[in-house]
């Protein structure tokens, strides 16, 4: 005689996955599209363009090709970086490493084509626009160093030096995002432009360090010094708090001095509040890759608030 148990009968009313009724081919295509957006960093192109449009609004600049140029440069530089770091990413981001390795040839061609298009467009803005367009690529070449084997022993240290590595990245993008629309418009560099530059510089530095929490093991293996590697995750979180709070104080000071408008300050402060929440999750989130994407997506929030407060 079979023994009885007190276990409840198995329910057959379990909720099916949301995509249960969707054809498998459609679901697979969706996942592939997601992989392309994230692993190639294509989503950063859209975010970079939004950042430049934010600068246009804050500085009251006429629309020009700057958002398109920055978008093209963003794709070229980040994809190039993914290709260069494919081997190192096998530890921290194996899926991304596999994707980049599998499509290496295509991505390499797209990198060259997009940067070429960016340079061609920048020529319409004059020598300064061209110089700023070339800057992120030049910084990346020095940062990656594998492109300069004869100088590699020196320049390779830039990627490994604490703070210097993230500062190079933050400086290149802050100059491009703020400087390129100014160069195309032929506008002067004003105190307001300086405030916006500092905002993007510090904010980009913070966003650069967030994904480094995920990459601690990989960075240690190749000798790269980042905040999480040197100070640990908990101390890194405190440093990010400090940077965000310092930037909040800076924005408030710029507002009280009459440099920033209330609308621009409100948008920046909302974004920095968002950043503080993200900083709390650093080291406490089980999916750090999503946290890094959320950090970049903050600029969508800032732009939305700015559009709302200015009534555009």
C-alpha atoms as a PDB file:
ATOM      1  CA  UNK A   1       0.000   0.000   0.000  1.00  0.00           C
ATOM      2  CA  UNK A   2       1.364   3.358  -0.985  1.00  0.00           C
ATOM      3  CA  UNK A   3       2.101   5.684   1.874  1.00  0.00           C
ATOM      4  CA  UNK A   4       0.304   9.005   2.074  1.00  0.00           C
ATOM      5  CA  UNK A   5       2.034  12.338   2.626  1.00  0.00           C
ATOM      6  CA  UNK A   6       0.885  15.726   3.835  1.00  0.00           C
ATOM      7  CA  UNK A   7       2.302  17.480   0.758  1.00  0.00           C
ATOM      8  CA  UNK A   8      -0.309  19.490  -1.173  1.00  0.00           C
ATOM      9  CA  UNK A   9      -1.094  18.404  -4.717  1.00  0.00           C
ATOM     10  CA  UNK A  10       1.001  20.010  -7.443  1.00  0.00           C
ATOM     11  CA  UNK A  11      -0.819  22.969  -8.942  1.00  0.00           C
ATOM     12  CA  UNK A  12      -1.333  22.997 -12.667  1.00  0.00           C
ATOM     13  CA  UNK A  13      -2.359  26.660 -12.660  1.00  0.00           C
ATOM     14  CA  UNK A  14       1.161  28.095 -12.650  1.00  0.00           C
ATOM     15  CA  UNK A  15       1.451  31.412 -14.414  1.00  0.00           C
ATOM     16  CA  UNK A  16       2.996  30.987 -17.843  1.00  0.00           C
ATOM     17  CA  UNK A  17       5.876  33.216 -18.935  1.00  0.00           C
ATOM     18  CA  UNK A  18       4.804  36.448 -20.620  1.00  0.00           C
ATOM     19  CA  UNK A  19       6.159  35.237 -23.957  1.00  0.00           C
ATOM     20  CA  UNK A  20       4.446  31.831 -23.846  1.00  0.00           C
ATOM     21  CA  UNK A  21       1.993  32.826 -26.581  1.00  0.00           C
ATOM     22  CA  UNK A  22       4.628  34.560 -28.707  1.00  0.00           C
ATOM     23  CA  UNK A  23       6.205  32.548 -31.542  1.00  0.00           C
ATOM     24  CA  UNK A  24       9.651  31.266 -30.633  1.00  0.00           C
ATOM     25  CA  UNK A  25      11.162  32.952 -33.676  1.00  0.00           C
ATOM     26  CA  UNK A  26       9.897  36.344 -32.514  1.00  0.00           C
ATOM     27  CA  UNK A  27      11.208  35.814 -28.984  1.00  0.00           C
ATOM     28  CA  UNK A  28      14.583  34.739 -30.353  1.00  0.00           C
ATOM     29  CA  UNK A  29      14.730  37.807 -32.588  1.00  0.00           C
ATOM     30  CA  UNK A  30      13.956  39.992 -29.585  1.00  0.00           C
ATOM     31  CA  UNK A  31      16.782  38.480 -27.572  1.00  0.00           C
ATOM     32  CA  UNK A  32      19.174  38.887 -30.485  1.00  0.00           C
ATOM     33  CA  UNK A  33      18.183  42.536 -30.833  1.00  0.00           C
ATOM     34  CA  UNK A  34      18.760  43.029 -27.113  1.00  0.00           C
ATOM     35  CA  UNK A  35      22.203  41.439 -27.410  1.00  0.00           C
ATOM     36  CA  UNK A  36      23.126  43.769 -30.261  1.00  0.00           C
ATOM     37  CA  UNK A  37      22.006  46.834 -28.296  1.00  0.00           C
ATOM     38  CA  UNK A  38      23.809  45.910 -25.087  1.00  0.00           C
ATOM     39  CA  UNK A  39      26.880  43.913 -26.093  1.00  0.00           C
ATOM     40  CA  UNK A  40      27.865  46.324 -28.872  1.00  0.00           C
ATOM     41  CA  UNK A  41      26.926  49.315 -26.678  1.00  0.00           C
ATOM     42  CA  UNK A  42      24.639  50.598 -29.441  1.00  0.00           C
ATOM     43  CA  UNK A  43      22.212  51.824 -26.780  1.00  0.00           C
ATOM     44  CA  UNK A  44      24.911  54.289 -25.702  1.00  0.00           C
ATOM     45  CA  UNK A  45      24.624  56.007 -29.085  1.00  0.00           C
ATOM     46  CA  UNK A  46      21.078  57.106 -28.308  1.00  0.00           C
ATOM     47  CA  UNK A  47      22.019  58.180 -24.783  1.00  0.00           C
ATOM     48  CA  UNK A  48      25.026  60.166 -26.040  1.00  0.00           C
ATOM     49  CA  UNK A  49      22.801  61.985 -28.526  1.00  0.00           C
ATOM     50  CA  UNK A  50      20.370  62.808 -25.725  1.00  0.00           C
ATOM     51  CA  UNK A  51      23.256  64.240 -23.687  1.00  0.00           C
ATOM     52  CA  UNK A  52      24.214  66.534 -26.560  1.00  0.00           C
ATOM     53  CA  UNK A  53      20.595  67.622 -27.012  1.00  0.00           C
ATOM     54  CA  UNK A  54      20.549  68.413 -23.290  1.00  0.00           C
ATOM     55  CA  UNK A  55      23.546  70.693 -23.816  1.00  0.00           C
ATOM     56  CA  UNK A  56      21.727  72.344 -26.734  1.00  0.00           C
ATOM     57  CA  UNK A  57      18.770  73.135 -24.487  1.00  0.00           C
ATOM     58  CA  UNK A  58      20.762  74.326 -21.468  1.00  0.00           C
ATOM     59  CA  UNK A  59      23.058  76.555 -23.543  1.00  0.00           C
ATOM     60  CA  UNK A  60      20.236  77.667 -25.896  1.00  0.00           C
ATOM     61  CA  UNK A  61      22.196  76.592 -28.966  1.00  0.00           C
ATOM     62  CA  UNK A  62      20.617  76.088 -32.401  1.00  0.00           C
ATOM     63  CA  UNK A  63      20.339  72.505 -33.572  1.00  0.00           C
ATOM     64  CA  UNK A  64      23.366  71.349 -35.544  1.00  0.00           C
ATOM     65  CA  UNK A  65      25.051  68.041 -36.524  1.00  0.00           C
ATOM     66  CA  UNK A  66      26.721  67.656 -33.102  1.00  0.00           C
ATOM     67  CA  UNK A  67      24.288  64.988 -31.772  1.00  0.00           C
ATOM     68  CA  UNK A  68      24.806  62.840 -34.865  1.00  0.00           C
ATOM     69  CA  UNK A  69      28.590  63.224 -34.771  1.00  0.00           C
ATOM     70  CA  UNK A  70      28.782  62.351 -31.077  1.00  0.00           C
ATOM     71  CA  UNK A  71      26.510  59.354 -31.657  1.00  0.00           C
ATOM     72  CA  UNK A  72      28.753  58.049 -34.432  1.00  0.00           C
ATOM     73  CA  UNK A  73      31.904  58.596 -32.373  1.00  0.00           C
ATOM     74  CA  UNK A  74      30.313  56.879 -29.378  1.00  0.00           C
ATOM     75  CA  UNK A  75      29.562  53.790 -31.433  1.00  0.00           C
ATOM     76  CA  UNK A  76      33.030  53.696 -32.974  1.00  0.00           C
ATOM     77  CA  UNK A  77      34.960  54.173 -29.731  1.00  0.00           C
ATOM     78  CA  UNK A  78      32.902  51.867 -27.532  1.00  0.00           C
ATOM     79  CA  UNK A  79      32.746  49.081 -30.100  1.00  0.00           C
ATOM     80  CA  UNK A  80      36.477  49.455 -30.658  1.00  0.00           C
ATOM     81  CA  UNK A  81      36.998  49.167 -26.919  1.00  0.00           C
ATOM     82  CA  UNK A  82      34.810  46.058 -26.784  1.00  0.00           C
ATOM     83  CA  UNK A  83      36.927  44.489 -29.536  1.00  0.00           C
ATOM     84  CA  UNK A  84      40.199  45.365 -27.799  1.00  0.00           C
ATOM     85  CA  UNK A  85      38.991  44.010 -24.441  1.00  0.00           C
ATOM     86  CA  UNK A  86      37.254  40.870 -25.730  1.00  0.00           C
ATOM     87  CA  UNK A  87      39.848  38.552 -24.178  1.00  0.00           C
ATOM     88  CA  UNK A  88      39.805  40.312 -20.793  1.00  0.00           C
ATOM     89  CA  UNK A  89      35.984  40.370 -20.773  1.00  0.00           C
ATOM     90  CA  UNK A  90      35.850  36.559 -20.814  1.00  0.00           C
ATOM     91  CA  UNK A  91      36.015  36.680 -17.013  1.00  0.00           C
ATOM     92  CA  UNK A  92      33.547  39.456 -16.183  1.00  0.00           C
ATOM     93  CA  UNK A  93      31.279  39.469 -19.257  1.00  0.00           C
ATOM     94  CA  UNK A  94      31.567  36.122 -21.057  1.00  0.00           C
ATOM     95  CA  UNK A  95      28.398  36.645 -23.121  1.00  0.00           C
ATOM     96  CA  UNK A  96      29.570  40.026 -24.364  1.00  0.00           C
ATOM     97  CA  UNK A  97      33.036  38.650 -25.073  1.00  0.00           C
ATOM     98  CA  UNK A  98      31.550  35.797 -27.101  1.00  0.00           C
ATOM     99  CA  UNK A  99      29.298  38.183 -29.049  1.00  0.00           C
ATOM    100  CA  UNK A 100      32.153  40.547 -29.896  1.00  0.00           C
ATOM    101  CA  UNK A 101      34.495  37.709 -30.851  1.00  0.00           C
ATOM    102  CA  UNK A 102      31.846  36.117 -33.066  1.00  0.00           C
ATOM    103  CA  UNK A 103      31.160  39.378 -34.927  1.00  0.00           C
ATOM    104  CA  UNK A 104      34.654  40.848 -34.701  1.00  0.00           C
ATOM    105  CA  UNK A 105      35.129  41.480 -38.439  1.00  0.00           C
ATOM    106  CA  UNK A 106      31.759  43.157 -38.929  1.00  0.00           C
ATOM    107  CA  UNK A 107      32.173  45.283 -35.807  1.00  0.00           C
ATOM    108  CA  UNK A 108      35.663  46.349 -36.890  1.00  0.00           C
ATOM    109  CA  UNK A 109      34.342  47.506 -40.257  1.00  0.00           C
ATOM    110  CA  UNK A 110      31.448  49.361 -38.636  1.00  0.00           C
ATOM    111  CA  UNK A 111      33.865  51.050 -36.238  1.00  0.00           C
ATOM    112  CA  UNK A 112      35.947  52.423 -39.106  1.00  0.00           C
ATOM    113  CA  UNK A 113      32.917  53.461 -41.164  1.00  0.00           C
ATOM    114  CA  UNK A 114      31.125  55.268 -38.335  1.00  0.00           C
ATOM    115  CA  UNK A 115      34.209  57.199 -37.243  1.00  0.00           C
ATOM    116  CA  UNK A 116      34.864  58.101 -40.866  1.00  0.00           C
ATOM    117  CA  UNK A 117      31.338  59.463 -41.192  1.00  0.00           C
ATOM    118  CA  UNK A 118      31.757  61.409 -37.954  1.00  0.00           C
ATOM    119  CA  UNK A 119      34.955  63.010 -39.235  1.00  0.00           C
ATOM    120  CA  UNK A 120      33.323  63.876 -42.561  1.00  0.00           C
ATOM    121  CA  UNK A 121      30.397  65.568 -40.803  1.00  0.00           C
ATOM    122  CA  UNK A 122      32.680  67.412 -38.395  1.00  0.00           C
ATOM    123  CA  UNK A 123      34.470  69.055 -41.319  1.00  0.00           C
ATOM    124  CA  UNK A 124      31.318  71.100 -41.907  1.00  0.00           C
ATOM    125  CA  UNK A 125      31.777  72.624 -38.454  1.00  0.00           C
ATOM    126  CA  UNK A 126      35.320  73.851 -38.947  1.00  0.00           C
ATOM    127  CA  UNK A 127      38.741  72.967 -37.491  1.00  0.00           C
ATOM    128  CA  UNK A 128      37.616  73.074 -33.853  1.00  0.00           C
ATOM    129  CA  UNK A 129      34.727  70.684 -34.481  1.00  0.00           C
ATOM    130  CA  UNK A 130      37.111  68.338 -36.285  1.00  0.00           C
ATOM    131  CA  UNK A 131      39.623  68.451 -33.433  1.00  0.00           C
ATOM    132  CA  UNK A 132      36.963  67.689 -30.828  1.00  0.00           C
ATOM    133  CA  UNK A 133      35.631  64.830 -32.961  1.00  0.00           C
ATOM    134  CA  UNK A 134      39.095  63.288 -33.152  1.00  0.00           C
ATOM    135  CA  UNK A 135      39.729  63.708 -29.421  1.00  0.00           C
ATOM    136  CA  UNK A 136      37.807  60.664 -28.075  1.00  0.00           C
ATOM    137  CA  UNK A 137      39.497  58.437 -30.644  1.00  0.00           C
ATOM    138  CA  UNK A 138      42.939  59.790 -29.774  1.00  0.00           C
ATOM    139  CA  UNK A 139      42.263  59.349 -26.061  1.00  0.00           C
ATOM    140  CA  UNK A 140      41.081  55.804 -26.683  1.00  0.00           C
ATOM    141  CA  UNK A 141      44.221  54.937 -28.673  1.00  0.00           C
ATOM    142  CA  UNK A 142      46.381  56.109 -25.779  1.00  0.00           C
ATOM    143  CA  UNK A 143      44.091  54.382 -23.289  1.00  0.00           C
ATOM    144  CA  UNK A 144      44.042  51.035 -25.120  1.00  0.00           C
ATOM    145  CA  UNK A 145      47.743  51.257 -26.080  1.00  0.00           C
ATOM    146  CA  UNK A 146      47.707  48.083 -28.200  1.00  0.00           C
ATOM    147  CA  UNK A 147      47.501  50.361 -31.229  1.00  0.00           C
ATOM    148  CA  UNK A 148      50.899  51.815 -30.337  1.00  0.00           C
ATOM    149  CA  UNK A 149      53.154  48.807 -29.708  1.00  0.00           C
ATOM    150  CA  UNK A 150      56.321  50.873 -29.745  1.00  0.00           C
ATOM    151  CA  UNK A 151      54.970  53.087 -26.956  1.00  0.00           C
ATOM    152  CA  UNK A 152      52.817  50.449 -25.289  1.00  0.00           C
ATOM    153  CA  UNK A 153      55.001  49.987 -22.233  1.00  0.00           C
ATOM    154  CA  UNK A 154      54.333  53.616 -21.300  1.00  0.00           C
ATOM    155  CA  UNK A 155      50.799  54.281 -22.424  1.00  0.00           C
ATOM    156  CA  UNK A 156      49.441  50.973 -21.221  1.00  0.00           C
ATOM    157  CA  UNK A 157      49.918  52.246 -17.695  1.00  0.00           C
ATOM    158  CA  UNK A 158      47.254  54.894 -18.283  1.00  0.00           C
ATOM    159  CA  UNK A 159      44.560  52.237 -18.313  1.00  0.00           C
ATOM    160  CA  UNK A 160      45.985  50.679 -15.167  1.00  0.00           C
ATOM    161  CA  UNK A 161      46.524  53.826 -13.094  1.00  0.00           C
ATOM    162  CA  UNK A 162      43.906  54.491 -10.434  1.00  0.00           C
ATOM    163  CA  UNK A 163      41.638  57.485 -11.179  1.00  0.00           C
ATOM    164  CA  UNK A 164      43.666  58.384 -14.288  1.00  0.00           C
ATOM    165  CA  UNK A 165      41.875  55.690 -16.311  1.00  0.00           C
ATOM    166  CA  UNK A 166      38.379  56.900 -15.466  1.00  0.00           C
ATOM    167  CA  UNK A 167      39.427  60.547 -15.741  1.00  0.00           C
ATOM    168  CA  UNK A 168      40.631  59.993 -19.318  1.00  0.00           C
ATOM    169  CA  UNK A 169      37.270  58.502 -20.262  1.00  0.00           C
ATOM    170  CA  UNK A 170      35.277  61.207 -18.466  1.00  0.00           C
ATOM    171  CA  UNK A 171      37.345  64.045 -19.939  1.00  0.00           C
ATOM    172  CA  UNK A 172      37.080  62.793 -23.515  1.00  0.00           C
ATOM    173  CA  UNK A 173      33.302  62.492 -23.391  1.00  0.00           C
ATOM    174  CA  UNK A 174      32.664  65.688 -21.427  1.00  0.00           C
ATOM    175  CA  UNK A 175      34.703  67.667 -23.967  1.00  0.00           C
ATOM    176  CA  UNK A 176      32.876  66.030 -26.878  1.00  0.00           C
ATOM    177  CA  UNK A 177      29.365  66.324 -25.437  1.00  0.00           C
ATOM    178  CA  UNK A 178      29.734  69.959 -24.378  1.00  0.00           C
ATOM    179  CA  UNK A 179      32.369  71.227 -26.797  1.00  0.00           C
ATOM    180  CA  UNK A 180      31.064  69.882 -30.091  1.00  0.00           C
ATOM    181  CA  UNK A 181      27.665  71.659 -30.119  1.00  0.00           C
ATOM    182  CA  UNK A 182      29.454  74.872 -29.123  1.00  0.00           C
ATOM    183  CA  UNK A 183      31.997  74.433 -31.919  1.00  0.00           C
ATOM    184  CA  UNK A 184      29.336  73.791 -34.556  1.00  0.00           C
ATOM    185  CA  UNK A 185      27.358  76.826 -33.396  1.00  0.00           C
ATOM    186  CA  UNK A 186      30.435  79.047 -33.231  1.00  0.00           C
ATOM    187  CA  UNK A 187      29.324  80.084 -29.752  1.00  0.00           C
ATOM    188  CA  UNK A 188      31.657  81.386 -27.022  1.00  0.00           C
ATOM    189  CA  UNK A 189      32.608  79.358 -23.964  1.00  0.00           C
ATOM    190  CA  UNK A 190      30.606  80.937 -21.151  1.00  0.00           C
ATOM    191  CA  UNK A 191      30.487  80.327 -17.386  1.00  0.00           C
ATOM    192  CA  UNK A 192      27.295  78.343 -18.030  1.00  0.00           C
ATOM    193  CA  UNK A 193      29.173  76.113 -20.481  1.00  0.00           C
ATOM    194  CA  UNK A 194      31.869  75.583 -17.845  1.00  0.00           C
ATOM    195  CA  UNK A 195      29.245  74.523 -15.297  1.00  0.00           C
ATOM    196  CA  UNK A 196      27.698  72.067 -17.759  1.00  0.00           C
ATOM    197  CA  UNK A 197      31.164  70.688 -18.551  1.00  0.00           C
ATOM    198  CA  UNK A 198      31.937  70.048 -14.869  1.00  0.00           C
ATOM    199  CA  UNK A 199      28.557  68.367 -14.456  1.00  0.00           C
ATOM    200  CA  UNK A 200      29.173  65.932 -17.317  1.00  0.00           C
ATOM    201  CA  UNK A 201      32.810  65.381 -16.305  1.00  0.00           C
ATOM    202  CA  UNK A 202      32.017  64.264 -12.758  1.00  0.00           C
ATOM    203  CA  UNK A 203      28.870  62.420 -13.776  1.00  0.00           C
ATOM    204  CA  UNK A 204      30.714  60.451 -16.467  1.00  0.00           C
ATOM    205  CA  UNK A 205      33.485  59.603 -14.003  1.00  0.00           C
ATOM    206  CA  UNK A 206      30.889  58.131 -11.641  1.00  0.00           C
ATOM    207  CA  UNK A 207      29.227  56.185 -14.455  1.00  0.00           C
ATOM    208  CA  UNK A 208      32.621  54.802 -15.463  1.00  0.00           C
ATOM    209  CA  UNK A 209      33.305  53.430 -11.995  1.00  0.00           C
ATOM    210  CA  UNK A 210      29.909  51.734 -11.541  1.00  0.00           C
ATOM    211  CA  UNK A 211      30.585  48.879 -14.021  1.00  0.00           C
ATOM    212  CA  UNK A 212      34.066  48.479 -12.531  1.00  0.00           C
ATOM    213  CA  UNK A 213      32.384  46.842  -9.532  1.00  0.00           C
ATOM    214  CA  UNK A 214      31.337  43.981 -11.810  1.00  0.00           C
ATOM    215  CA  UNK A 215      34.813  43.800 -13.338  1.00  0.00           C
ATOM    216  CA  UNK A 216      36.861  43.562 -10.127  1.00  0.00           C
ATOM    217  CA  UNK A 217      38.062  40.012 -10.731  1.00  0.00           C
ATOM    218  CA  UNK A 218      38.913  40.677 -14.375  1.00  0.00           C
ATOM    219  CA  UNK A 219      40.660  43.975 -13.597  1.00  0.00           C
ATOM    220  CA  UNK A 220      42.757  42.386 -10.871  1.00  0.00           C
ATOM    221  CA  UNK A 221      43.772  39.615 -13.278  1.00  0.00           C
ATOM    222  CA  UNK A 222      45.157  42.081 -15.845  1.00  0.00           C
ATOM    223  CA  UNK A 223      46.554  44.610 -13.384  1.00  0.00           C
ATOM    224  CA  UNK A 224      44.020  47.403 -13.827  1.00  0.00           C
ATOM    225  CA  UNK A 225      43.541  49.611 -10.761  1.00  0.00           C
ATOM    226  CA  UNK A 226      40.009  50.914 -10.251  1.00  0.00           C
ATOM    227  CA  UNK A 227      38.213  52.223  -7.184  1.00  0.00           C
ATOM    228  CA  UNK A 228      36.597  48.827  -6.402  1.00  0.00           C
ATOM    229  CA  UNK A 229      39.913  46.997  -6.881  1.00  0.00           C
ATOM    230  CA  UNK A 230      41.905  49.328  -4.618  1.00  0.00           C
ATOM    231  CA  UNK A 231      39.337  50.398  -2.023  1.00  0.00           C
ATOM    232  CA  UNK A 232      36.735  47.641  -2.129  1.00  0.00           C
ATOM    233  CA  UNK A 233      33.078  47.835  -3.047  1.00  0.00           C
ATOM    234  CA  UNK A 234      31.809  49.409   0.187  1.00  0.00           C
ATOM    235  CA  UNK A 235      34.356  52.230   0.117  1.00  0.00           C
ATOM    236  CA  UNK A 236      33.703  52.752  -3.596  1.00  0.00           C
ATOM    237  CA  UNK A 237      30.021  53.226  -2.826  1.00  0.00           C
ATOM    238  CA  UNK A 238      30.946  55.890  -0.257  1.00  0.00           C
ATOM    239  CA  UNK A 239      33.215  57.647  -2.762  1.00  0.00           C
ATOM    240  CA  UNK A 240      30.399  57.720  -5.322  1.00  0.00           C
ATOM    241  CA  UNK A 241      28.091  59.178  -2.668  1.00  0.00           C
ATOM    242  CA  UNK A 242      30.676  61.879  -2.029  1.00  0.00           C
ATOM    243  CA  UNK A 243      31.088  62.730  -5.705  1.00  0.00           C
ATOM    244  CA  UNK A 244      27.333  62.924  -6.296  1.00  0.00           C
ATOM    245  CA  UNK A 245      26.771  65.055  -3.191  1.00  0.00           C
ATOM    246  CA  UNK A 246      29.630  67.363  -4.178  1.00  0.00           C
ATOM    247  CA  UNK A 247      28.088  67.749  -7.613  1.00  0.00           C
ATOM    248  CA  UNK A 248      24.719  68.558  -6.028  1.00  0.00           C
ATOM    249  CA  UNK A 249      26.390  71.307  -3.994  1.00  0.00           C
ATOM    250  CA  UNK A 250      28.092  72.587  -7.151  1.00  0.00           C
ATOM    251  CA  UNK A 251      24.789  72.755  -9.055  1.00  0.00           C
ATOM    252  CA  UNK A 252      23.071  74.549  -6.163  1.00  0.00           C
ATOM    253  CA  UNK A 253      25.945  77.044  -6.013  1.00  0.00           C
ATOM    254  CA  UNK A 254      25.699  77.661  -9.768  1.00  0.00           C
ATOM    255  CA  UNK A 255      21.947  78.203  -9.402  1.00  0.00           C
ATOM    256  CA  UNK A 256      22.330  80.616  -6.497  1.00  0.00           C
ATOM    257  CA  UNK A 257      24.995  82.516  -8.452  1.00  0.00           C
ATOM    258  CA  UNK A 258      22.602  83.021 -11.338  1.00  0.00           C
ATOM    259  CA  UNK A 259      24.652  80.952 -13.783  1.00  0.00           C
ATOM    260  CA  UNK A 260      22.189  78.066 -14.057  1.00  0.00           C
ATOM    261  CA  UNK A 261      18.513  78.543 -14.771  1.00  0.00           C
ATOM    262  CA  UNK A 262      15.982  76.974 -12.437  1.00  0.00           C
ATOM    263  CA  UNK A 263      14.888  74.547 -15.163  1.00  0.00           C
ATOM    264  CA  UNK A 264      18.419  73.329 -15.858  1.00  0.00           C
ATOM    265  CA  UNK A 265      19.249  73.053 -12.171  1.00  0.00           C
ATOM    266  CA  UNK A 266      16.046  71.118 -11.476  1.00  0.00           C
ATOM    267  CA  UNK A 267      16.819  68.622 -14.235  1.00  0.00           C
ATOM    268  CA  UNK A 268      20.382  68.124 -13.024  1.00  0.00           C
ATOM    269  CA  UNK A 269      19.310  67.734  -9.395  1.00  0.00           C
ATOM    270  CA  UNK A 270      16.676  65.145 -10.304  1.00  0.00           C
ATOM    271  CA  UNK A 271      19.351  63.263 -12.216  1.00  0.00           C
ATOM    272  CA  UNK A 272      21.736  63.443  -9.272  1.00  0.00           C
ATOM    273  CA  UNK A 273      19.023  62.196  -6.928  1.00  0.00           C
ATOM    274  CA  UNK A 274      18.620  59.281  -9.324  1.00  0.00           C
ATOM    275  CA  UNK A 275      22.401  58.801  -9.199  1.00  0.00           C
ATOM    276  CA  UNK A 276      22.407  58.646  -5.397  1.00  0.00           C
ATOM    277  CA  UNK A 277      19.801  55.890  -5.481  1.00  0.00           C
ATOM    278  CA  UNK A 278      21.927  53.955  -7.972  1.00  0.00           C
ATOM    279  CA  UNK A 279      25.005  54.441  -5.796  1.00  0.00           C
ATOM    280  CA  UNK A 280      23.162  52.751  -2.937  1.00  0.00           C
ATOM    281  CA  UNK A 281      22.728  49.653  -5.116  1.00  0.00           C
ATOM    282  CA  UNK A 282      26.440  49.439  -5.962  1.00  0.00           C
ATOM    283  CA  UNK A 283      27.642  46.114  -4.594  1.00  0.00           C
ATOM    284  CA  UNK A 284      24.115  45.236  -3.456  1.00  0.00           C
ATOM    285  CA  UNK A 285      22.660  44.448  -6.868  1.00  0.00           C
ATOM    286  CA  UNK A 286      22.758  40.888  -8.185  1.00  0.00           C
ATOM    287  CA  UNK A 287      22.795  42.072 -11.807  1.00  0.00           C
ATOM    288  CA  UNK A 288      25.526  44.759 -11.937  1.00  0.00           C
ATOM    289  CA  UNK A 289      25.359  44.959 -15.719  1.00  0.00           C
ATOM    290  CA  UNK A 290      21.831  46.329 -15.497  1.00  0.00           C
ATOM    291  CA  UNK A 291      22.962  48.807 -12.857  1.00  0.00           C
ATOM    292  CA  UNK A 292      25.560  50.167 -15.273  1.00  0.00           C
ATOM    293  CA  UNK A 293      22.910  50.582 -17.978  1.00  0.00           C
ATOM    294  CA  UNK A 294      20.600  52.276 -15.469  1.00  0.00           C
ATOM    295  CA  UNK A 295      23.396  54.724 -14.679  1.00  0.00           C
ATOM    296  CA  UNK A 296      23.712  55.711 -18.322  1.00  0.00           C
ATOM    297  CA  UNK A 297      19.924  55.921 -18.671  1.00  0.00           C
ATOM    298  CA  UNK A 298      19.906  58.676 -16.072  1.00  0.00           C
ATOM    299  CA  UNK A 299      20.493  61.153 -18.891  1.00  0.00           C
ATOM    300  CA  UNK A 300      17.114  60.240 -20.346  1.00  0.00           C
ATOM    301  CA  UNK A 301      15.545  61.316 -17.056  1.00  0.00           C
ATOM    302  CA  UNK A 302      17.487  64.587 -17.019  1.00  0.00           C
ATOM    303  CA  UNK A 303      16.455  65.374 -20.592  1.00  0.00           C
ATOM    304  CA  UNK A 304      12.806  64.521 -19.903  1.00  0.00           C
ATOM    305  CA  UNK A 305      12.704  66.788 -16.843  1.00  0.00           C
ATOM    306  CA  UNK A 306      14.408  69.579 -18.780  1.00  0.00           C
ATOM    307  CA  UNK A 307      11.915  69.326 -21.635  1.00  0.00           C
ATOM    308  CA  UNK A 308       9.021  69.312 -19.162  1.00  0.00           C
ATOM    309  CA  UNK A 309      10.250  72.283 -17.115  1.00  0.00           C
ATOM    310  CA  UNK A 310      11.072  74.406 -20.162  1.00  0.00           C
ATOM    311  CA  UNK A 311       7.748  73.625 -21.811  1.00  0.00           C
ATOM    312  CA  UNK A 312       9.259  72.481 -25.099  1.00  0.00           C
END
